Structure formats: C-alpha cells, structure tokens
C-alpha cells in the first residue's frame, strides 16, 4: 500500500493521505506504517493512542501541548465525521513563531495530520458525532500539560464557526494567552526541519 505526504507550510506539519483499497464489502487501509514513513524521512516512536468523541458540531478542543521532557508529536485522524485541525508554532525564536495552519480532516477524505512537538494543537468539530483518533510519541503528564487560548488575538486563528457556536471545556476557556504561556525554545522545541 502507498501513502502520500504533503508539507503544509509550517516546519514539520504534514498531511498524510493513506491509500484505501475497497470493494463492495467495504475497504482496507494501512493508516500507519513506520517503515514506509521512515523511508520518507519521518521517524517517530508512538507510545499511546487517544480517541475523542464529540456529540455535536462546534466542540473545540485546544490549543494543547506538553512541555519537555513529555513533549509530544501527534498523528491525528478522523474515524467518523470531520474537524478543522489547527497547529500553532510555539517555539520562541522560530521564524514562524505564533503562525498557524488549519486543515479539514475527515473520515470522507481519509487524511491525517502530523503535528510535531513544539506546536500547540487544537480542533473544532464540523459535524455531530465526530470521532478523532490520534497517536502520540510521549505519555500524558498532567505536570507538563499546557494550553493556550483558542481565541488569542496575537495568533488570530480563524475557526470558521462563530464564537457563540463553540463549546469548550472550562480548562480551554480559561487558558492563558501565548504571551503568558510557557513555550518551547527554538530549535530545541521540535519540528522536522
């Protein structure tokens, strides 16, 4: 099986498009293959899989990240529904510090996004009953878990849905601005060069 990788314009943020082979019974897809991605220059050791379910359109989760030594690379895909997925460069000193990229990920498109450590990550559901599955390269650590406000004007993310339609956890609603947050130093923070 083959897969396609597309750089998305920020250091190491990649769209990955696995092949689906289908017939009248359904389909089969290899959604992760370490050897094939290593041949394309992506070498990661995933240690945990996470699965989130959102009942309604407009559920916003993020912007999340973990500080070293528990920083995480994330490979995000959608098993059901669709999301607008966002990655923000939070490596102070990086040429793209505070820049963001957004891409729709959906079960229909069958695409994935690789978000390297050194980037904050978040998404908003575009359909009800959306299920997101993501692999991470480090275990969860509450002591290293951080977040940044989804609506920080310095970053200026366009979430495509009105703020009044967004549903957030209290943690995400009360997250600090990028200016107040603990972030990574560049180049140690990650990315793929």
N, C-alpha and C. Protein backbone atom coordinates (compact mmCIF):
# COMPACT_ATOMS: atom_id res chain seq x y z
N UNK A 1 0.84 -1.18 0.00
CA UNK A 1 0.00 0.00 0.00
C UNK A 1 0.89 1.24 0.00
N UNK A 2 0.39 2.29 -0.60
CA UNK A 2 1.17 3.51 -0.67
C UNK A 2 0.50 4.60 0.16
N UNK A 3 1.25 5.65 0.39
CA UNK A 3 0.69 6.83 1.03
C UNK A 3 1.37 8.05 0.47
N UNK A 4 0.68 9.16 0.61
CA UNK A 4 1.17 10.43 0.09
C UNK A 4 1.39 11.37 1.27
N UNK A 5 2.48 12.14 1.22
CA UNK A 5 2.77 13.12 2.26
C UNK A 5 2.87 14.50 1.63
N UNK A 6 2.17 15.47 2.24
CA UNK A 6 2.19 16.85 1.74
C UNK A 6 2.61 17.79 2.87
N UNK A 7 3.70 18.54 2.72
CA UNK A 7 4.04 19.58 3.71
C UNK A 7 2.96 20.65 3.70
N UNK A 8 2.64 21.19 4.88
CA UNK A 8 1.56 22.17 4.99
C UNK A 8 2.05 23.60 5.23
N UNK A 9 3.35 23.83 5.09
CA UNK A 9 3.85 25.20 5.15
C UNK A 9 4.46 25.62 6.47
N UNK A 10 4.31 24.82 7.52
CA UNK A 10 4.98 25.06 8.78
C UNK A 10 5.93 23.90 9.05
N UNK A 11 7.08 24.20 9.60
CA UNK A 11 8.17 23.26 9.86
C UNK A 11 7.70 21.93 10.46
N UNK A 12 7.58 20.91 9.62
CA UNK A 12 7.26 19.57 10.10
C UNK A 12 5.79 19.22 10.18
N UNK A 13 4.89 20.15 9.92
CA UNK A 13 3.46 19.84 9.93
C UNK A 13 3.13 19.26 8.56
N UNK A 14 2.64 18.02 8.57
CA UNK A 14 2.43 17.28 7.32
C UNK A 14 1.02 16.73 7.22
N UNK A 15 0.47 16.74 6.01
CA UNK A 15 -0.76 16.00 5.73
C UNK A 15 -0.34 14.64 5.18
N UNK A 16 -0.91 13.60 5.73
CA UNK A 16 -0.62 12.23 5.29
C UNK A 16 -1.91 11.63 4.75
N UNK A 17 -1.83 11.09 3.53
CA UNK A 17 -3.01 10.52 2.89
C UNK A 17 -2.78 9.03 2.64
N UNK A 18 -3.28 8.18 3.53
CA UNK A 18 -3.15 6.74 3.33
C UNK A 18 -4.06 6.27 2.20
N UNK A 19 -3.65 5.23 1.53
CA UNK A 19 -4.45 4.63 0.46
C UNK A 19 -5.55 3.78 1.08
N UNK A 20 -6.72 3.79 0.44
CA UNK A 20 -7.81 2.89 0.82
C UNK A 20 -8.07 1.96 -0.34
N UNK A 21 -8.14 0.68 -0.07
CA UNK A 21 -8.47 -0.31 -1.10
C UNK A 21 -9.85 -0.85 -0.75
N UNK A 22 -10.79 -0.66 -1.67
CA UNK A 22 -12.16 -1.05 -1.36
C UNK A 22 -12.81 -1.88 -2.43
N UNK A 23 -13.88 -2.53 -2.05
CA UNK A 23 -14.75 -3.27 -2.96
C UNK A 23 -16.16 -3.20 -2.39
N UNK A 24 -17.06 -4.03 -2.90
CA UNK A 24 -18.45 -3.96 -2.46
C UNK A 24 -18.63 -4.26 -0.97
N UNK A 25 -17.64 -4.89 -0.33
CA UNK A 25 -17.74 -5.23 1.09
C UNK A 25 -17.34 -4.08 2.00
N UNK A 26 -16.54 -3.13 1.47
CA UNK A 26 -16.02 -2.04 2.29
C UNK A 26 -14.62 -1.66 1.85
N UNK A 27 -13.70 -1.41 2.80
CA UNK A 27 -12.34 -1.04 2.43
C UNK A 27 -11.35 -1.52 3.47
N UNK A 28 -10.07 -1.48 3.10
CA UNK A 28 -8.95 -1.72 4.00
C UNK A 28 -7.97 -0.58 3.81
N UNK A 29 -7.36 -0.13 4.92
CA UNK A 29 -6.37 0.93 4.83
C UNK A 29 -5.30 0.73 5.90
N UNK A 30 -4.07 0.92 5.50
CA UNK A 30 -2.95 0.91 6.43
C UNK A 30 -2.75 2.36 6.86
N UNK A 31 -3.18 2.70 8.07
CA UNK A 31 -3.17 4.11 8.49
C UNK A 31 -1.83 4.54 9.09
N UNK A 32 -0.98 3.60 9.47
CA UNK A 32 0.36 3.95 9.97
C UNK A 32 1.31 2.82 9.61
N UNK A 33 2.44 3.18 9.03
CA UNK A 33 3.48 2.21 8.71
C UNK A 33 4.82 2.90 8.97
N UNK A 34 5.47 2.54 10.08
CA UNK A 34 6.71 3.19 10.49
C UNK A 34 7.79 3.07 9.42
N UNK A 35 7.90 1.91 8.79
CA UNK A 35 8.95 1.69 7.79
C UNK A 35 8.74 2.59 6.57
N UNK A 36 7.52 2.64 6.06
CA UNK A 36 7.25 3.47 4.88
C UNK A 36 7.47 4.95 5.16
N UNK A 37 7.06 5.40 6.35
CA UNK A 37 7.26 6.81 6.67
C UNK A 37 8.73 7.11 6.93
N UNK A 38 9.47 6.17 7.50
CA UNK A 38 10.91 6.37 7.70
C UNK A 38 11.61 6.54 6.36
N UNK A 39 11.16 5.81 5.36
CA UNK A 39 11.73 5.94 4.01
C UNK A 39 11.49 7.34 3.45
N UNK A 40 10.45 8.03 3.95
CA UNK A 40 10.13 9.38 3.52
C UNK A 40 10.66 10.44 4.50
N UNK A 41 11.47 9.99 5.47
CA UNK A 41 12.11 10.92 6.39
C UNK A 41 11.38 11.19 7.68
N UNK A 42 10.29 10.46 7.96
CA UNK A 42 9.51 10.65 9.18
C UNK A 42 9.74 9.44 10.09
N UNK A 43 10.50 9.64 11.18
CA UNK A 43 10.80 8.55 12.11
C UNK A 43 10.26 8.93 13.48
N UNK A 44 9.24 8.22 13.92
CA UNK A 44 8.60 8.50 15.20
C UNK A 44 8.33 7.20 15.95
N UNK A 45 8.33 7.28 17.26
CA UNK A 45 8.01 6.13 18.09
C UNK A 45 6.76 6.45 18.89
N UNK A 46 5.62 6.02 18.39
CA UNK A 46 4.36 6.29 19.09
C UNK A 46 4.20 5.34 20.27
N UNK A 47 3.73 5.89 21.40
CA UNK A 47 3.61 5.10 22.62
C UNK A 47 2.19 5.05 23.17
N UNK A 48 1.29 5.84 22.61
CA UNK A 48 -0.08 5.90 23.15
C UNK A 48 -1.03 6.32 22.05
N UNK A 49 -2.22 5.73 22.04
CA UNK A 49 -3.29 6.14 21.14
C UNK A 49 -4.40 6.77 21.98
N UNK A 50 -4.97 7.87 21.49
CA UNK A 50 -6.07 8.56 22.16
C UNK A 50 -7.27 8.61 21.21
N UNK A 51 -8.46 8.61 21.78
CA UNK A 51 -9.69 8.61 21.00
C UNK A 51 -10.66 9.58 21.66
N UNK A 52 -11.12 10.59 20.92
CA UNK A 52 -12.11 11.51 21.48
C UNK A 52 -13.39 11.44 20.66
N UNK A 53 -14.51 11.61 21.34
CA UNK A 53 -15.82 11.61 20.71
C UNK A 53 -16.50 12.93 21.08
N UNK A 54 -17.08 13.59 20.10
CA UNK A 54 -17.82 14.84 20.32
C UNK A 54 -19.22 14.67 19.77
N UNK A 55 -20.22 14.90 20.61
CA UNK A 55 -21.62 14.68 20.23
C UNK A 55 -22.13 15.69 19.20
N UNK A 56 -21.61 16.93 19.29
CA UNK A 56 -22.20 17.98 18.46
C UNK A 56 -21.15 18.70 17.62
N UNK A 57 -21.63 19.39 16.62
CA UNK A 57 -20.79 20.29 15.83
C UNK A 57 -20.42 21.46 16.73
N UNK A 58 -19.18 21.96 16.58
CA UNK A 58 -18.75 23.14 17.33
C UNK A 58 -18.00 22.85 18.61
N UNK A 59 -17.71 21.58 18.90
CA UNK A 59 -16.89 21.26 20.08
C UNK A 59 -15.44 21.62 19.74
N UNK A 60 -14.86 22.51 20.53
CA UNK A 60 -13.48 22.93 20.30
C UNK A 60 -12.61 22.38 21.43
N UNK A 61 -11.56 21.68 21.04
CA UNK A 61 -10.60 21.11 21.99
C UNK A 61 -9.23 21.69 21.66
N UNK A 62 -8.66 22.44 22.58
CA UNK A 62 -7.35 23.01 22.34
C UNK A 62 -7.29 24.46 22.76
N UNK A 63 -6.16 24.96 22.61
CA UNK A 63 -4.90 24.53 22.00
C UNK A 63 -4.05 23.84 23.06
N UNK A 64 -3.67 22.60 22.85
CA UNK A 64 -2.99 21.79 23.85
C UNK A 64 -1.58 21.43 23.43
N UNK A 65 -0.73 21.19 24.43
CA UNK A 65 0.63 20.69 24.20
C UNK A 65 1.21 20.26 25.54
N UNK A 66 2.32 19.56 25.50
CA UNK A 66 3.05 19.20 26.71
C UNK A 66 4.48 19.70 26.61
N UNK A 67 5.02 20.17 27.73
CA UNK A 67 6.39 20.65 27.79
C UNK A 67 7.37 19.48 27.91
N UNK A 68 8.64 19.69 27.50
CA UNK A 68 9.67 18.66 27.70
C UNK A 68 9.82 18.37 29.20
N UNK A 69 10.17 17.16 29.56
CA UNK A 69 10.57 16.06 28.67
C UNK A 69 9.39 15.22 28.18
N UNK A 70 8.16 15.72 28.32
CA UNK A 70 6.98 14.98 27.87
C UNK A 70 6.34 15.57 26.62
N UNK A 71 7.08 16.36 25.87
CA UNK A 71 6.56 16.92 24.61
C UNK A 71 6.13 15.78 23.69
N UNK A 72 5.12 16.04 22.88
CA UNK A 72 4.54 15.00 22.03
C UNK A 72 4.47 15.43 20.57
N UNK A 73 4.81 14.48 19.68
CA UNK A 73 4.41 14.56 18.29
C UNK A 73 3.03 13.89 18.25
N UNK A 74 2.13 14.36 17.37
CA UNK A 74 0.79 13.78 17.28
C UNK A 74 0.47 13.47 15.82
N UNK A 75 -0.11 12.31 15.60
CA UNK A 75 -0.64 11.94 14.29
C UNK A 75 -2.15 11.83 14.46
N UNK A 76 -2.89 12.77 13.83
CA UNK A 76 -4.32 12.95 14.06
C UNK A 76 -5.10 12.48 12.85
N UNK A 77 -6.15 11.67 13.10
CA UNK A 77 -7.05 11.28 12.02
C UNK A 77 -8.48 11.24 12.55
N UNK A 78 -9.43 11.22 11.63
CA UNK A 78 -10.84 11.21 11.99
C UNK A 78 -11.45 9.89 11.52
N UNK A 79 -12.05 9.15 12.46
CA UNK A 79 -12.69 7.88 12.12
C UNK A 79 -14.14 8.08 11.68
N UNK A 80 -14.77 9.16 12.20
CA UNK A 80 -16.15 9.46 11.85
C UNK A 80 -16.34 10.96 11.95
N UNK A 81 -16.97 11.57 10.94
CA UNK A 81 -17.23 13.00 10.97
C UNK A 81 -16.12 13.82 10.34
N UNK A 82 -15.94 15.05 10.85
CA UNK A 82 -14.94 15.97 10.28
C UNK A 82 -14.55 17.01 11.31
N UNK A 83 -13.31 17.50 11.21
CA UNK A 83 -12.81 18.55 12.08
C UNK A 83 -12.01 19.56 11.27
N UNK A 84 -11.90 20.76 11.81
CA UNK A 84 -10.91 21.72 11.35
C UNK A 84 -9.77 21.58 12.35
N UNK A 85 -8.62 21.10 11.89
CA UNK A 85 -7.48 20.83 12.74
C UNK A 85 -6.48 21.97 12.63
N UNK A 86 -5.95 22.42 13.78
CA UNK A 86 -5.07 23.59 13.81
C UNK A 86 -3.77 23.25 14.55
N UNK A 87 -2.65 23.67 13.97
CA UNK A 87 -1.34 23.58 14.62
C UNK A 87 -0.74 24.97 14.67
N UNK A 88 -0.18 25.35 15.84
CA UNK A 88 0.42 26.67 16.04
C UNK A 88 1.86 26.48 16.49
N UNK A 89 2.78 27.15 15.81
CA UNK A 89 4.19 27.09 16.19
C UNK A 89 4.39 27.89 17.48
N UNK A 90 4.80 27.19 18.54
CA UNK A 90 5.02 27.86 19.83
C UNK A 90 6.49 27.72 20.26
N UNK A 91 7.39 27.72 19.28
CA UNK A 91 8.83 27.67 19.55
C UNK A 91 9.37 29.09 19.47
N UNK A 92 9.53 29.71 20.65
CA UNK A 92 10.00 31.10 20.70
C UNK A 92 11.35 31.20 19.99
N UNK A 93 11.48 32.14 19.06
CA UNK A 93 12.68 32.31 18.26
C UNK A 93 12.58 31.68 16.89
N UNK A 94 11.55 30.87 16.66
CA UNK A 94 11.34 30.26 15.35
C UNK A 94 10.90 31.32 14.35
N UNK A 95 11.32 31.22 13.09
CA UNK A 95 10.86 32.18 12.08
C UNK A 95 9.34 32.18 11.91
N UNK A 96 8.69 31.07 12.31
CA UNK A 96 7.23 31.01 12.16
C UNK A 96 6.51 31.00 13.52
N UNK A 97 7.17 31.55 14.56
CA UNK A 97 6.55 31.61 15.88
C UNK A 97 5.19 32.29 15.81
N UNK A 98 4.18 31.66 16.43
CA UNK A 98 2.79 32.13 16.50
C UNK A 98 2.04 32.00 15.18
N UNK A 99 2.66 31.48 14.15
CA UNK A 99 1.95 31.21 12.89
C UNK A 99 1.16 29.90 13.05
N UNK A 100 0.08 29.81 12.31
CA UNK A 100 -0.76 28.62 12.42
C UNK A 100 -1.16 28.11 11.05
N UNK A 101 -1.54 26.85 11.03
CA UNK A 101 -2.05 26.21 9.82
C UNK A 101 -3.33 25.48 10.20
N UNK A 102 -4.32 25.53 9.34
CA UNK A 102 -5.58 24.83 9.58
C UNK A 102 -5.90 23.97 8.36
N UNK A 103 -6.40 22.78 8.62
CA UNK A 103 -6.77 21.87 7.54
C UNK A 103 -7.98 21.05 7.98
N UNK A 104 -8.88 20.81 7.05
CA UNK A 104 -10.01 19.94 7.35
C UNK A 104 -9.53 18.49 7.27
N UNK A 105 -9.83 17.74 8.31
CA UNK A 105 -9.57 16.30 8.34
C UNK A 105 -10.93 15.63 8.48
N UNK A 106 -11.16 14.61 7.67
CA UNK A 106 -12.47 13.96 7.73
C UNK A 106 -12.36 12.47 7.43
N UNK A 107 -13.37 11.75 7.88
CA UNK A 107 -13.46 10.33 7.54
C UNK A 107 -13.63 10.17 6.04
N UNK A 108 -14.33 11.07 5.41
CA UNK A 108 -14.56 11.00 3.97
C UNK A 108 -13.25 11.18 3.18
N UNK A 109 -12.45 12.19 3.55
CA UNK A 109 -11.18 12.44 2.84
C UNK A 109 -10.12 11.42 3.22
N UNK A 110 -10.21 10.85 4.44
CA UNK A 110 -9.28 9.83 4.94
C UNK A 110 -7.86 10.36 5.05
N UNK A 111 -7.75 11.64 5.38
CA UNK A 111 -6.44 12.26 5.54
C UNK A 111 -6.07 12.33 7.02
N UNK A 112 -4.80 12.56 7.28
CA UNK A 112 -4.28 12.67 8.63
C UNK A 112 -3.36 13.89 8.68
N UNK A 113 -3.07 14.39 9.90
CA UNK A 113 -2.12 15.47 10.07
C UNK A 113 -1.11 15.06 11.13
N UNK A 114 0.16 15.29 10.80
CA UNK A 114 1.25 15.08 11.75
C UNK A 114 1.60 16.45 12.34
N UNK A 115 1.45 16.57 13.66
CA UNK A 115 1.76 17.80 14.38
C UNK A 115 2.98 17.52 15.25
N UNK A 116 4.14 18.12 14.93
CA UNK A 116 5.35 17.85 15.70
C UNK A 116 5.35 18.52 17.07
N UNK A 117 6.19 18.00 17.96
CA UNK A 117 6.37 18.66 19.25
C UNK A 117 6.86 20.08 18.97
N UNK A 118 6.55 20.98 19.89
CA UNK A 118 6.88 22.39 19.66
C UNK A 118 5.73 23.16 19.03
N UNK A 119 4.61 22.45 18.80
CA UNK A 119 3.41 23.07 18.24
C UNK A 119 2.24 22.82 19.18
N UNK A 120 1.41 23.84 19.39
CA UNK A 120 0.15 23.64 20.10
C UNK A 120 -0.85 23.10 19.08
N UNK A 121 -1.77 22.28 19.56
CA UNK A 121 -2.71 21.60 18.67
C UNK A 121 -4.14 21.78 19.19
N UNK A 122 -5.06 21.96 18.27
CA UNK A 122 -6.46 22.01 18.62
C UNK A 122 -7.33 21.69 17.42
N UNK A 123 -8.60 21.44 17.70
CA UNK A 123 -9.54 21.21 16.60
C UNK A 123 -10.95 21.57 17.02
N UNK A 124 -11.78 21.84 16.02
CA UNK A 124 -13.20 22.07 16.24
C UNK A 124 -13.96 21.10 15.34
N UNK A 125 -15.02 20.50 15.89
CA UNK A 125 -15.81 19.54 15.12
C UNK A 125 -16.69 20.28 14.13
N UNK A 126 -16.75 19.75 12.91
CA UNK A 126 -17.55 20.34 11.84
C UNK A 126 -18.83 19.55 11.59
N UNK A 127 -18.94 18.40 12.24
CA UNK A 127 -20.13 17.55 12.13
C UNK A 127 -20.43 16.96 13.50
N UNK A 128 -21.72 16.63 13.75
CA UNK A 128 -22.03 15.94 15.01
C UNK A 128 -21.46 14.52 14.99
N UNK A 129 -21.34 13.94 16.17
CA UNK A 129 -20.87 12.55 16.33
C UNK A 129 -19.52 12.32 15.66
N UNK A 130 -18.58 13.22 15.92
CA UNK A 130 -17.24 13.12 15.34
C UNK A 130 -16.31 12.37 16.29
N UNK A 131 -15.54 11.44 15.71
CA UNK A 131 -14.57 10.67 16.48
C UNK A 131 -13.18 10.92 15.92
N UNK A 132 -12.26 11.35 16.81
CA UNK A 132 -10.89 11.67 16.44
C UNK A 132 -9.97 10.69 17.15
N UNK A 133 -9.05 10.13 16.39
CA UNK A 133 -8.06 9.19 16.93
C UNK A 133 -6.68 9.78 16.68
N UNK A 134 -5.85 9.83 17.71
CA UNK A 134 -4.50 10.34 17.47
C UNK A 134 -3.47 9.57 18.28
N UNK A 135 -2.34 9.35 17.61
CA UNK A 135 -1.20 8.70 18.20
C UNK A 135 -0.26 9.77 18.75
N UNK A 136 0.42 9.47 19.87
CA UNK A 136 1.37 10.42 20.44
C UNK A 136 2.68 9.72 20.78
N UNK A 137 3.76 10.49 20.78
CA UNK A 137 5.10 9.93 20.99
C UNK A 137 5.55 10.02 22.45
N UNK A 138 4.70 10.49 23.33
CA UNK A 138 5.03 10.52 24.75
C UNK A 138 3.74 10.33 25.53
N UNK A 139 3.87 9.78 26.73
CA UNK A 139 2.70 9.55 27.57
C UNK A 139 2.18 10.87 28.14
N UNK A 140 0.91 10.87 28.52
CA UNK A 140 0.31 12.04 29.13
C UNK A 140 0.98 12.32 30.47
N UNK A 141 1.26 13.58 30.73
CA UNK A 141 1.81 14.01 32.02
C UNK A 141 1.07 15.27 32.45
N UNK A 142 0.26 15.15 33.50
CA UNK A 142 -0.51 16.30 33.98
C UNK A 142 0.41 17.45 34.39
N UNK A 143 1.59 17.13 34.92
CA UNK A 143 2.52 18.17 35.36
C UNK A 143 3.11 18.96 34.19
N UNK A 144 3.08 18.41 32.98
CA UNK A 144 3.66 19.06 31.80
C UNK A 144 2.60 19.52 30.80
N UNK A 145 1.35 19.24 31.09
CA UNK A 145 0.23 19.58 30.22
C UNK A 145 -0.02 21.09 30.26
N UNK A 146 -0.11 21.70 29.08
CA UNK A 146 -0.34 23.14 28.98
C UNK A 146 -1.37 23.43 27.89
N UNK A 147 -1.89 24.64 27.92
CA UNK A 147 -2.83 25.07 26.87
C UNK A 147 -2.69 26.57 26.65
N UNK A 148 -3.17 26.99 25.50
CA UNK A 148 -3.18 28.39 25.09
C UNK A 148 -4.59 28.72 24.61
N UNK A 149 -5.02 29.95 24.85
CA UNK A 149 -6.38 30.36 24.45
C UNK A 149 -6.60 30.15 22.95
N UNK A 150 -7.74 29.58 22.65
CA UNK A 150 -8.13 29.33 21.26
C UNK A 150 -8.35 30.63 20.49
N UNK A 151 -8.69 31.70 21.20
CA UNK A 151 -9.02 32.97 20.55
C UNK A 151 -7.99 34.06 20.83
N UNK A 152 -6.76 33.67 21.11
CA UNK A 152 -5.70 34.65 21.37
C UNK A 152 -5.56 35.55 20.14
N UNK A 153 -5.77 36.86 20.27
CA UNK A 153 -5.71 37.74 19.10
C UNK A 153 -4.31 37.82 18.49
N UNK A 154 -3.28 37.55 19.27
CA UNK A 154 -1.92 37.58 18.73
C UNK A 154 -1.72 36.47 17.70
N UNK A 155 -2.38 35.32 17.93
CA UNK A 155 -2.30 34.21 16.97
C UNK A 155 -3.32 34.43 15.85
N UNK A 156 -4.54 34.73 16.20
CA UNK A 156 -5.57 35.09 15.21
C UNK A 156 -6.13 33.93 14.40
N UNK A 157 -6.37 32.80 15.04
CA UNK A 157 -6.92 31.64 14.33
C UNK A 157 -8.35 31.93 13.87
N UNK A 158 -8.64 31.54 12.65
CA UNK A 158 -10.00 31.63 12.10
C UNK A 158 -10.60 30.23 12.18
N UNK A 159 -11.51 30.02 13.12
CA UNK A 159 -12.07 28.69 13.38
C UNK A 159 -13.23 28.34 12.45
N UNK A 160 -13.67 29.21 11.62
CA UNK A 160 -14.74 29.05 10.63
C UNK A 160 -16.15 28.99 11.23
N UNK A 161 -16.28 28.81 12.52
CA UNK A 161 -17.59 28.84 13.18
C UNK A 161 -17.63 30.06 14.09
N UNK A 162 -18.80 30.68 14.25
CA UNK A 162 -18.90 31.83 15.15
C UNK A 162 -18.55 31.42 16.58
N UNK A 163 -17.91 32.32 17.32
CA UNK A 163 -17.52 32.02 18.70
C UNK A 163 -18.72 31.59 19.54
N UNK A 164 -19.89 32.14 19.25
CA UNK A 164 -21.10 31.79 20.01
C UNK A 164 -21.51 30.33 19.81
N UNK A 165 -21.05 29.69 18.74
CA UNK A 165 -21.39 28.29 18.45
C UNK A 165 -20.37 27.31 19.01
N UNK A 166 -19.28 27.81 19.59
CA UNK A 166 -18.21 26.94 20.07
C UNK A 166 -18.49 26.45 21.49
N UNK A 167 -18.18 25.19 21.72
CA UNK A 167 -18.34 24.58 23.04
C UNK A 167 -16.95 24.18 23.54
N UNK A 168 -16.56 24.72 24.69
CA UNK A 168 -15.23 24.48 25.25
C UNK A 168 -15.32 23.96 26.67
N UNK A 169 -14.29 23.26 27.08
CA UNK A 169 -14.16 22.88 28.49
C UNK A 169 -13.77 24.12 29.27
N UNK A 170 -13.94 24.08 30.58
CA UNK A 170 -13.53 25.20 31.42
C UNK A 170 -12.02 25.40 31.32
N UNK A 171 -11.27 24.30 31.23
CA UNK A 171 -9.81 24.38 31.10
C UNK A 171 -9.43 25.19 29.85
N UNK A 172 -10.07 24.89 28.73
CA UNK A 172 -9.74 25.59 27.49
C UNK A 172 -10.23 27.04 27.50
N UNK A 173 -11.38 27.26 28.11
CA UNK A 173 -11.94 28.62 28.18
C UNK A 173 -11.04 29.54 29.02
N UNK A 174 -10.37 28.99 30.04
CA UNK A 174 -9.56 29.81 30.94
C UNK A 174 -8.05 29.71 30.65
N UNK A 175 -7.68 29.17 29.50
CA UNK A 175 -6.26 29.02 29.14
C UNK A 175 -5.60 30.39 29.00
N UNK A 176 -4.29 30.45 29.26
CA UNK A 176 -3.58 31.73 29.12
C UNK A 176 -3.33 32.10 27.66
N UNK A 177 -2.97 33.34 27.43
CA UNK A 177 -2.57 33.78 26.09
C UNK A 177 -1.19 33.21 25.78
N UNK A 178 -0.80 33.28 24.53
CA UNK A 178 0.54 32.83 24.13
C UNK A 178 1.61 33.61 24.87
N UNK A 179 1.39 34.91 25.05
CA UNK A 179 2.37 35.74 25.74
C UNK A 179 2.59 35.28 27.18
N UNK A 180 1.54 34.78 27.83
CA UNK A 180 1.62 34.34 29.23
C UNK A 180 2.04 32.88 29.38
N UNK A 181 1.97 32.11 28.30
CA UNK A 181 2.17 30.66 28.38
C UNK A 181 3.65 30.27 28.39
N UNK A 182 3.92 29.13 29.01
CA UNK A 182 5.25 28.52 28.91
C UNK A 182 5.33 27.87 27.54
N UNK A 183 6.39 28.16 26.80
CA UNK A 183 6.52 27.61 25.46
C UNK A 183 7.90 26.99 25.28
N UNK A 184 8.19 26.55 24.09
CA UNK A 184 9.45 25.91 23.75
C UNK A 184 10.46 26.95 23.28
N UNK A 185 11.74 26.59 23.33
CA UNK A 185 12.79 27.40 22.73
C UNK A 185 13.13 26.80 21.38
N UNK A 186 13.44 27.63 20.43
CA UNK A 186 13.82 27.17 19.08
C UNK A 186 15.33 27.10 19.01
N UNK A 187 15.94 26.07 18.42
CA UNK A 187 15.33 24.98 17.68
C UNK A 187 15.05 23.74 18.51
N UNK A 188 15.37 23.72 19.80
CA UNK A 188 15.22 22.52 20.61
C UNK A 188 13.78 22.04 20.70
N UNK A 189 12.82 22.90 20.43
CA UNK A 189 11.42 22.56 20.62
C UNK A 189 10.86 21.52 19.70
N UNK A 190 11.47 21.23 18.60
CA UNK A 190 10.93 20.20 17.71
C UNK A 190 10.87 20.66 16.28
N UNK A 191 9.82 20.24 15.61
CA UNK A 191 9.73 20.45 14.18
C UNK A 191 10.54 19.39 13.46
N UNK A 192 10.49 19.40 12.16
CA UNK A 192 11.18 18.37 11.38
C UNK A 192 12.23 18.95 10.46
N UNK A 193 12.39 20.29 10.48
CA UNK A 193 13.41 20.91 9.63
C UNK A 193 13.05 20.83 8.21
